[in-house]
C-alpha atoms as a PDB file:
ATOM      1  CA  MET A   1    -117.657 -39.192 -57.710  1.00  0.00           C
ATOM      2  CA  LYS A   2    -119.582 -40.547 -54.740  1.00  0.00           C
ATOM      3  CA  ASN A   3    -122.940 -38.755 -54.433  1.00  0.00           C
ATOM      4  CA  ALA A   4    -122.894 -37.378 -50.899  1.00  0.00           C
ATOM      5  CA  ILE A   5    -125.941 -35.224 -51.556  1.00  0.00           C
ATOM      6  CA  GLU A   6    -128.679 -37.789 -51.877  1.00  0.00           C
ATOM      7  CA  ALA A   7    -129.295 -37.650 -48.133  1.00  0.00           C
ATOM      8  CA  GLY A   8    -130.184 -33.962 -48.529  1.00  0.00           C
ATOM      9  CA  PRO A   9    -130.129 -31.543 -45.604  1.00  0.00           C
ATOM     10  CA  SER A  10    -130.089 -34.439 -43.120  1.00  0.00           C
ATOM     11  CA  ALA A  11    -126.406 -34.832 -43.957  1.00  0.00           C
ATOM     12  CA  GLU A  12    -125.829 -31.426 -42.385  1.00  0.00           C
ATOM     13  CA  ALA A  13    -126.710 -32.758 -38.930  1.00  0.00           C
ATOM     14  CA  ASP A  14    -123.163 -34.127 -38.771  1.00  0.00           C
ATOM     15  CA  LEU A  15    -121.674 -30.647 -39.088  1.00  0.00           C
ATOM     16  CA  PRO A  16    -120.545 -28.876 -35.904  1.00  0.00           C
ATOM     17  CA  LEU A  17    -122.668 -26.015 -34.591  1.00  0.00           C
ATOM     18  CA  ILE A  18    -120.093 -23.270 -35.122  1.00  0.00           C
ATOM     19  CA  GLY A  19    -120.353 -19.783 -33.678  1.00  0.00           C
ATOM     20  CA  ARG A  20    -123.496 -20.392 -31.598  1.00  0.00           C
ATOM     21  CA  ARG A  21    -122.083 -21.619 -28.280  1.00  0.00           C
ATOM     22  CA  ASP A  22    -123.397 -18.719 -26.183  1.00  0.00           C
ATOM     23  CA  GLU A  23    -126.826 -18.906 -27.812  1.00  0.00           C
ATOM     24  CA  LEU A  24    -126.926 -22.674 -27.312  1.00  0.00           C
ATOM     25  CA  ASP A  25    -126.048 -22.342 -23.629  1.00  0.00           C
ATOM     26  CA  GLU A  26    -128.687 -19.657 -23.124  1.00  0.00           C
ATOM     27  CA  LEU A  27    -131.461 -21.593 -24.842  1.00  0.00           C
ATOM     28  CA  SER A  28    -130.534 -24.843 -23.083  1.00  0.00           C
ATOM     29  CA  ALA A  29    -130.697 -23.083 -19.716  1.00  0.00           C
ATOM     30  CA  ALA A  30    -134.061 -21.529 -20.620  1.00  0.00           C
ATOM     31  CA  LEU A  31    -135.434 -24.945 -21.523  1.00  0.00           C
ATOM     32  CA  ARG A  32    -134.273 -26.462 -18.268  1.00  0.00           C
ATOM     33  CA  GLY A  33    -135.791 -23.545 -16.359  1.00  0.00           C
ATOM     34  CA  ARG A  34    -139.005 -23.638 -18.439  1.00  0.00           C
ATOM     35  CA  CYS A  35    -138.501 -20.028 -19.508  1.00  0.00           C
ATOM     36  CA  PRO A  36    -139.942 -18.703 -22.801  1.00  0.00           C
ATOM     37  CA  ARG A  37    -137.659 -17.601 -25.605  1.00  0.00           C
ATOM     38  CA  LEU A  38    -138.006 -15.900 -28.986  1.00  0.00           C
ATOM     39  CA  ILE A  39    -135.340 -16.932 -31.512  1.00  0.00           C
ATOM     40  CA  VAL A  40    -134.961 -14.391 -34.313  1.00  0.00           C
ATOM     41  CA  GLY A  41    -132.757 -14.297 -37.376  1.00  0.00           C
ATOM     42  CA  PRO A  42    -132.903 -14.379 -41.185  1.00  0.00           C
ATOM     43  CA  PRO A  43    -133.440 -17.622 -43.124  1.00  0.00           C
ATOM     44  CA  GLY A  44    -130.328 -19.748 -42.874  1.00  0.00           C
ATOM     45  CA  ALA A  45    -129.199 -18.241 -39.562  1.00  0.00           C
ATOM     46  CA  GLY A  46    -129.580 -21.621 -37.853  1.00  0.00           C
ATOM     47  CA  LYS A  47    -132.743 -21.194 -35.775  1.00  0.00           C
ATOM     48  CA  THR A  48    -133.979 -24.739 -36.314  1.00  0.00           C
ATOM     49  CA  ARG A  49    -130.559 -26.281 -35.702  1.00  0.00           C
ATOM     50  CA  LEU A  50    -130.115 -24.246 -32.517  1.00  0.00           C
ATOM     51  CA  ILE A  51    -133.488 -25.370 -31.170  1.00  0.00           C
ATOM     52  CA  ARG A  52    -132.798 -29.013 -31.941  1.00  0.00           C
ATOM     53  CA  GLU A  53    -129.376 -28.947 -30.304  1.00  0.00           C
ATOM     54  CA  ALA A  54    -130.718 -27.116 -27.243  1.00  0.00           C
ATOM     55  CA  THR A  55    -133.659 -29.462 -26.714  1.00  0.00           C
ATOM     56  CA  ARG A  56    -131.260 -32.383 -26.946  1.00  0.00           C
ATOM     57  CA  ALA A  57    -128.855 -30.803 -24.468  1.00  0.00           C
ATOM     58  CA  ALA A  58    -131.691 -30.013 -22.054  1.00  0.00           C
ATOM     59  CA  SER A  59    -133.246 -33.478 -22.468  1.00  0.00           C
ATOM     60  CA  ALA A  60    -136.494 -31.819 -23.522  1.00  0.00           C
ATOM     61  CA  ALA A  61    -139.102 -33.562 -25.663  1.00  0.00           C
ATOM     62  CA  PRO A  62    -140.894 -30.670 -27.319  1.00  0.00           C
ATOM     63  CA  ILE A  63    -144.116 -30.473 -29.243  1.00  0.00           C
ATOM     64  CA  THR A  64    -142.901 -28.862 -32.469  1.00  0.00           C
ATOM     65  CA  VAL A  65    -145.064 -27.104 -35.034  1.00  0.00           C
ATOM     66  CA  GLU A  66    -143.544 -25.588 -38.176  1.00  0.00           C
ATOM     67  CA  ARG A  67    -145.170 -22.627 -39.949  1.00  0.00           C
ATOM     68  CA  PRO A  68    -148.498 -23.088 -38.179  1.00  0.00           C
ATOM     69  CA  GLY A  69    -150.623 -20.745 -40.257  1.00  0.00           C
ATOM     70  CA  PRO A  70    -154.133 -20.382 -38.783  1.00  0.00           C
ATOM     71  CA  LEU A  71    -154.786 -21.173 -35.119  1.00  0.00           C
ATOM     72  CA  HIS A  72    -156.737 -24.308 -36.016  1.00  0.00           C
ATOM     73  CA  ASN A  73    -153.682 -25.831 -37.716  1.00  0.00           C
ATOM     74  CA  LEU A  74    -151.553 -25.147 -34.648  1.00  0.00           C
ATOM     75  CA  LEU A  75    -154.134 -26.683 -32.323  1.00  0.00           C
ATOM     76  CA  VAL A  76    -154.475 -29.825 -34.449  1.00  0.00           C
ATOM     77  CA  GLU A  77    -150.716 -30.406 -34.504  1.00  0.00           C
ATOM     78  CA  CYS A  78    -150.407 -29.748 -30.772  1.00  0.00           C
ATOM     79  CA  ALA A  79    -153.313 -32.083 -30.018  1.00  0.00           C
ATOM     80  CA  GLU A  80    -151.784 -34.820 -32.137  1.00  0.00           C
ATOM     81  CA  GLY A  81    -148.379 -34.325 -30.525  1.00  0.00           C
ATOM     82  CA  LEU A  82    -149.953 -34.507 -27.076  1.00  0.00           C
ATOM     83  CA  ASN A  83    -152.032 -37.574 -28.024  1.00  0.00           C
ATOM     84  CA  CYS A  84    -155.216 -35.758 -27.062  1.00  0.00           C
ATOM     85  CA  ARG A  85    -158.510 -37.607 -27.378  1.00  0.00           C
ATOM     86  CA  SER A  86    -161.966 -36.153 -27.825  1.00  0.00           C
ATOM     87  CA  ARG A  87    -165.167 -37.929 -26.839  1.00  0.00           C
ATOM     88  CA  ARG A  88    -167.168 -36.065 -29.459  1.00  0.00           C
ATOM     89  CA  PHE A  89    -164.832 -36.421 -32.444  1.00  0.00           C
ATOM     90  CA  ALA A  90    -163.183 -39.531 -33.850  1.00  0.00           C
ATOM     91  CA  ALA A  91    -160.047 -37.578 -34.830  1.00  0.00           C
ATOM     92  CA  VAL A  92    -158.730 -34.275 -33.526  1.00  0.00           C
ATOM     93  CA  ASP A  93    -158.373 -32.853 -37.030  1.00  0.00           C
ATOM     94  CA  ARG A  94    -162.164 -33.019 -37.320  1.00  0.00           C
ATOM     95  CA  ALA A  95    -162.736 -31.108 -34.094  1.00  0.00           C
ATOM     96  CA  PRO A  96    -163.437 -27.356 -34.347  1.00  0.00           C
ATOM     97  CA  THR A  97    -161.131 -24.776 -32.864  1.00  0.00           C
ATOM     98  CA  ILE A  98    -163.525 -24.091 -29.984  1.00  0.00           C
ATOM     99  CA  ALA A  99    -163.190 -27.726 -28.892  1.00  0.00           C
ATOM    100  CA  LEU A 100    -159.469 -28.100 -29.532  1.00  0.00           C
ATOM    101  CA  LYS A 101    -158.338 -25.100 -27.514  1.00  0.00           C
ATOM    102  CA  PRO A 102    -159.454 -26.380 -24.050  1.00  0.00           C
ATOM    103  CA  LEU A 103    -158.332 -29.889 -25.022  1.00  0.00           C
ATOM    104  CA  VAL A 104    -154.759 -28.749 -25.707  1.00  0.00           C
ATOM    105  CA  LEU A 105    -154.534 -26.378 -22.749  1.00  0.00           C
ATOM    106  CA  GLY A 106    -155.987 -29.005 -20.412  1.00  0.00           C
ATOM    107  CA  SER A 107    -153.424 -31.569 -21.534  1.00  0.00           C
ATOM    108  CA  LEU A 108    -150.570 -29.114 -21.018  1.00  0.00           C
ATOM    109  CA  ARG A 109    -151.805 -28.147 -17.562  1.00  0.00           C
ATOM    110  CA  GLU A 110    -151.907 -31.806 -16.611  1.00  0.00           C
ATOM    111  CA  THR A 111    -148.538 -32.658 -18.158  1.00  0.00           C
ATOM    112  CA  PRO A 112    -146.487 -29.518 -18.964  1.00  0.00           C
ATOM    113  CA  ARG A 113    -144.302 -29.736 -22.063  1.00  0.00           C
ATOM    114  CA  CYS A 114    -142.060 -27.522 -24.132  1.00  0.00           C
ATOM    115  CA  VAL A 115    -143.934 -26.146 -27.153  1.00  0.00           C
ATOM    116  CA  VAL A 116    -141.801 -25.036 -30.110  1.00  0.00           C
ATOM    117  CA  ILE A 117    -143.363 -22.978 -32.898  1.00  0.00           C
ATOM    118  CA  GLU A 118    -141.009 -22.451 -35.825  1.00  0.00           C
ATOM    119  CA  ASP A 119    -141.269 -19.677 -38.412  1.00  0.00           C
ATOM    120  CA  LEU A 120    -144.277 -17.963 -36.888  1.00  0.00           C
ATOM    121  CA  ALA A 121    -145.421 -15.013 -38.997  1.00  0.00           C
ATOM    122  CA  ASP A 122    -148.317 -12.568 -39.100  1.00  0.00           C
ATOM    123  CA  ALA A 123    -150.155 -14.091 -36.143  1.00  0.00           C
ATOM    124  CA  ASP A 124    -153.728 -12.851 -35.802  1.00  0.00           C
ATOM    125  CA  PRO A 125    -155.540 -11.908 -32.549  1.00  0.00           C
ATOM    126  CA  ARG A 126    -156.894 -15.446 -32.087  1.00  0.00           C
ATOM    127  CA  MET A 127    -153.396 -16.915 -32.234  1.00  0.00           C
ATOM    128  CA  TYR A 128    -152.202 -14.248 -29.816  1.00  0.00           C
ATOM    129  CA  ARG A 129    -154.921 -14.991 -27.263  1.00  0.00           C
ATOM    130  CA  PHE A 130    -154.232 -18.725 -27.347  1.00  0.00           C
ATOM    131  CA  LEU A 131    -150.459 -18.317 -27.007  1.00  0.00           C
ATOM    132  CA  GLN A 132    -151.029 -15.838 -24.204  1.00  0.00           C
ATOM    133  CA  GLU A 133    -152.935 -18.519 -22.278  1.00  0.00           C
ATOM    134  CA  LEU A 134    -150.288 -21.128 -23.090  1.00  0.00           C
ATOM    135  CA  TYR A 135    -147.506 -18.736 -22.050  1.00  0.00           C
ATOM    136  CA  TYR A 136    -148.867 -18.592 -18.512  1.00  0.00           C
ATOM    137  CA  VAL A 137    -149.518 -22.322 -18.006  1.00  0.00           C
ATOM    138  CA  PRO A 138    -147.181 -23.358 -15.144  1.00  0.00           C
ATOM    139  CA  GLY A 139    -144.335 -25.550 -16.326  1.00  0.00           C
ATOM    140  CA  VAL A 140    -144.904 -24.961 -20.035  1.00  0.00           C
ATOM    141  CA  CYS A 141    -141.931 -23.576 -21.973  1.00  0.00           C
ATOM    142  CA  LEU A 142    -142.871 -21.670 -25.126  1.00  0.00           C
ATOM    143  CA  ILE A 143    -140.158 -21.311 -27.774  1.00  0.00           C
ATOM    144  CA  ILE A 144    -140.948 -19.355 -30.936  1.00  0.00           C
ATOM    145  CA  SER A 145    -138.700 -18.681 -33.913  1.00  0.00           C
ATOM    146  CA  ALA A 146    -139.271 -15.933 -36.470  1.00  0.00           C
ATOM    147  CA  ARG A 147    -137.416 -13.787 -38.973  1.00  0.00           C
ATOM    148  CA  SER A 148    -137.839 -10.771 -36.722  1.00  0.00           C
ATOM    149  CA  ARG A 149    -139.971  -9.510 -33.876  1.00  0.00           C
ATOM    150  CA  GLY A 150    -141.802  -7.308 -36.356  1.00  0.00           C
ATOM    151  CA  SER A 151    -142.857 -10.326 -38.444  1.00  0.00           C
ATOM    152  CA  LEU A 152    -144.730 -11.929 -35.539  1.00  0.00           C
ATOM    153  CA  GLY A 153    -147.956 -10.027 -36.010  1.00  0.00           C
ATOM    154  CA  PHE A 154    -149.999  -9.697 -32.818  1.00  0.00           C
ATOM    155  CA  VAL A 155    -147.736 -12.138 -30.936  1.00  0.00           C
ATOM    156  CA  ARG A 156    -145.082  -9.422 -30.719  1.00  0.00           C
ATOM    157  CA  LYS A 157    -147.208  -8.009 -27.874  1.00  0.00           C
ATOM    158  CA  LEU A 158    -146.654 -11.242 -25.940  1.00  0.00           C
ATOM    159  CA  LEU A 159    -142.914 -11.659 -26.525  1.00  0.00           C
ATOM    160  CA  TRP A 160    -142.003  -8.022 -26.019  1.00  0.00           C
ATOM    161  CA  ASP A 161    -139.257  -8.460 -23.402  1.00  0.00           C
ATOM    162  CA  PRO A 162    -135.736  -8.173 -24.951  1.00  0.00           C
ATOM    163  CA  ARG A 163    -134.442 -10.454 -22.195  1.00  0.00           C
ATOM    164  CA  GLU A 164    -136.457 -13.296 -23.715  1.00  0.00           C
ATOM    165  CA  GLU A 165    -134.978 -12.819 -27.190  1.00  0.00           C
ATOM    166  CA  ILE A 166    -132.030 -14.667 -28.732  1.00  0.00           C
ATOM    167  CA  PHE A 167    -130.805 -13.024 -31.931  1.00  0.00           C
ATOM    168  CA  LEU A 168    -128.799 -15.049 -34.437  1.00  0.00           C
ATOM    169  CA  GLY A 169    -126.597 -12.670 -36.365  1.00  0.00           C
ATOM    170  CA  PRO A 170    -124.032 -13.485 -39.073  1.00  0.00           C
ATOM    171  CA  LEU A 171    -120.976 -15.551 -38.247  1.00  0.00           C
ATOM    172  CA  GLY A 172    -117.587 -13.885 -38.025  1.00  0.00           C
ATOM    173  CA  ARG A 173    -114.923 -14.409 -40.665  1.00  0.00           C
ATOM    174  CA  SER A 174    -113.033 -17.157 -38.814  1.00  0.00           C
ATOM    175  CA  GLU A 175    -116.265 -18.937 -37.865  1.00  0.00           C
ATOM    176  CA  SER A 176    -117.443 -18.808 -41.471  1.00  0.00           C
ATOM    177  CA  GLN A 177    -114.127 -20.269 -42.648  1.00  0.00           C
ATOM    178  CA  SER A 178    -114.357 -23.073 -40.084  1.00  0.00           C
ATOM    179  CA  LEU A 179    -117.899 -23.912 -41.163  1.00  0.00           C
ATOM    180  CA  PHE A 180    -116.901 -23.877 -44.829  1.00  0.00           C
ATOM    181  CA  ASP A 181    -113.997 -26.257 -44.168  1.00  0.00           C
ATOM    182  CA  ALA A 182    -116.267 -28.632 -42.225  1.00  0.00           C
ATOM    183  CA  ALA A 183    -118.894 -28.540 -44.984  1.00  0.00           C
ATOM    184  CA  ALA A 184    -116.274 -29.069 -47.697  1.00  0.00           C
ATOM    185  CA  ASP A 185    -115.115 -32.208 -45.897  1.00  0.00           C
ATOM    186  CA  ARG A 186    -118.659 -33.419 -45.308  1.00  0.00           C
ATOM    187  CA  PHE A 187    -119.659 -33.009 -48.948  1.00  0.00           C
ATOM    188  CA  GLU A 188    -116.325 -34.275 -50.304  1.00  0.00           C
ATOM    189  CA  LEU A 189    -115.251 -31.171 -52.193  1.00  0.00           C
ATOM    190  CA  ARG A 190    -111.499 -31.624 -51.884  1.00  0.00           C
ATOM    191  CA  ASP A 191    -111.164 -32.140 -55.633  1.00  0.00           C
ATOM    192  CA  LEU A 192    -112.272 -28.527 -56.254  1.00  0.00           C
ATOM    193  CA  ASP A 193    -110.159 -25.414 -56.374  1.00  0.00           C
ATOM    194  CA  LEU A 194    -111.155 -24.759 -52.753  1.00  0.00           C
ATOM    195  CA  GLU A 195    -109.266 -21.524 -52.275  1.00  0.00           C
ATOM    196  CA  ASP A 196    -111.200 -19.835 -55.059  1.00  0.00           C
ATOM    197  CA  PHE A 197    -114.491 -21.494 -54.114  1.00  0.00           C
ATOM    198  CA  ARG A 198    -114.086 -20.600 -50.428  1.00  0.00           C
ATOM    199  CA  ARG A 199    -113.456 -16.968 -51.256  1.00  0.00           C
ATOM    200  CA  LYS A 200    -116.547 -16.767 -53.451  1.00  0.00           C
ATOM    201  CA  VAL A 201    -118.794 -18.603 -50.991  1.00  0.00           C
ATOM    202  CA  LEU A 202    -117.778 -16.513 -48.000  1.00  0.00           C
ATOM    203  CA  ALA A 203    -118.236 -13.303 -49.944  1.00  0.00           C
ATOM    204  CA  ALA A 204    -121.704 -14.324 -51.155  1.00  0.00           C
ATOM    205  CA  ALA A 205    -122.930 -15.771 -47.839  1.00  0.00           C
ATOM    206  CA  ARG A 206    -121.858 -12.809 -45.695  1.00  0.00           C
ATOM    207  CA  GLY A 207    -121.750 -14.927 -42.556  1.00  0.00           C
ATOM    208  CA  ASN A 208    -125.029 -16.768 -43.101  1.00  0.00           C
ATOM    209  CA  PRO A 209    -124.318 -20.378 -42.038  1.00  0.00           C
ATOM    210  CA  GLY A 210    -127.223 -21.887 -43.958  1.00  0.00           C
ATOM    211  CA  GLN A 211    -126.008 -20.348 -47.194  1.00  0.00           C
ATOM    212  CA  ILE A 212    -122.447 -21.552 -46.643  1.00  0.00           C
ATOM    213  CA  VAL A 213    -123.621 -25.128 -46.122  1.00  0.00           C
ATOM    214  CA  SER A 214    -126.167 -25.003 -48.931  1.00  0.00           C
ATOM    215  CA  MET A 215    -123.616 -23.756 -51.448  1.00  0.00           C
ATOM    216  CA  CYS A 216    -121.252 -26.564 -50.482  1.00  0.00           C
ATOM    217  CA  ARG A 217    -124.109 -29.020 -50.873  1.00  0.00           C
ATOM    218  CA  PHE A 218    -124.907 -27.663 -54.331  1.00  0.00           C
ATOM    219  CA  ALA A 219    -121.233 -27.862 -55.289  1.00  0.00           C
ATOM    220  CA  ALA A 220    -121.294 -31.631 -54.787  1.00  0.00           C
ATOM    221  CA  ARG A 221    -123.968 -32.061 -57.451  1.00  0.00           C
ATOM    222  CA  ALA A 222    -122.699 -33.240 -60.822  1.00  0.00           C
ATOM    223  CA  GLU A 223    -124.790 -30.714 -62.757  1.00  0.00           C
ATOM    224  CA  TYR A 224    -122.957 -27.837 -61.075  1.00  0.00           C
ATOM    225  CA  ARG A 225    -119.460 -29.210 -61.680  1.00  0.00           C
ATOM    226  CA  ALA A 226    -117.011 -28.672 -64.527  1.00  0.00           C
ATOM    227  CA  GLY A 227    -113.862 -30.500 -63.572  1.00  0.00           C
ATOM    228  CA  GLY A 228    -112.435 -28.762 -60.541  1.00  0.00           C
ATOM    229  CA  HIS A 229    -114.648 -25.721 -60.932  1.00  0.00           C
ATOM    230  CA  ILE A 230    -118.227 -24.712 -60.100  1.00  0.00           C
ATOM    231  CA  LYS A 231    -120.492 -23.641 -62.936  1.00  0.00           C
ATOM    232  CA  PHE A 232    -122.849 -21.279 -61.074  1.00  0.00           C
ATOM    233  CA  LEU A 233    -121.857 -17.637 -60.760  1.00  0.00           C
ATOM    234  CA  PRO A 234    -120.896 -16.203 -57.345  1.00  0.00           C
ATOM    235  CA  LEU A 235    -123.599 -13.556 -57.596  1.00  0.00           C
ATOM    236  CA  ARG A 236    -126.190 -16.317 -57.904  1.00  0.00           C
ATOM    237  CA  MET A 237    -124.941 -18.367 -54.978  1.00  0.00           C
ATOM    238  CA  ASP A 238    -127.291 -16.740 -52.476  1.00  0.00           C
ATOM    239  CA  VAL A 239    -130.230 -17.529 -54.761  1.00  0.00           C
ATOM    240  CA  LEU A 240    -129.197 -21.164 -55.056  1.00  0.00           C
ATOM    241  CA  ALA A 241    -128.813 -21.410 -51.277  1.00  0.00           C
ATOM    242  CA  SER A 242    -132.321 -20.089 -50.727  1.00  0.00           C
ATOM    243  CA  MET A 243    -133.634 -22.947 -52.899  1.00  0.00           C
ATOM    244  CA  SER A 244    -132.148 -25.642 -50.676  1.00  0.00           C
END
């Protein structure tokens, strides 16, 4: 069997973005209008994919930081993405937070950009104060993704307006079936008993698109195959998907 899995999750970029048309249109419009947005949803809901498709549709070139952790980490990645230079420090990662903050904000005031922060969690007061300043820089579009508003920490005080939130809920039954069929084609699963596998996957995923795709990706691996059947149990499918 041809190994279609070696490319990993990058292979999933070829799959259609199913069931997120309204959310994609809203985020694309927000990007073009330089309006902030909070994208919330559980792992696998498609937050990263939505942001990537929207920035492409809006012809935006964002500064993207994933799981920033402390404020200093966020500032270093932003400074590097903005090609900031410091007269006092040879490299921005050696500059202290107190020097990086005005450097980043000054660069964004001079040349506004879209700033995407993915999987923000438990932000402390220092992170909140910086993002508050960034939020109000003219022309800057702040996009943050998180599991929920409650997981944001102090930043929930900044992104409090429900009109700025895009929630990614589970896909409907027909959307889930369409995504499964597309993933089965992409990962070359037509030699399986697809009717049985589809039923088990859709029941385990409960509309989570990331889990549907991940389970199809796992099913293409030789170690999980036994002829035309899958060796992992349906009740463990969600666990396997979370490992992808």
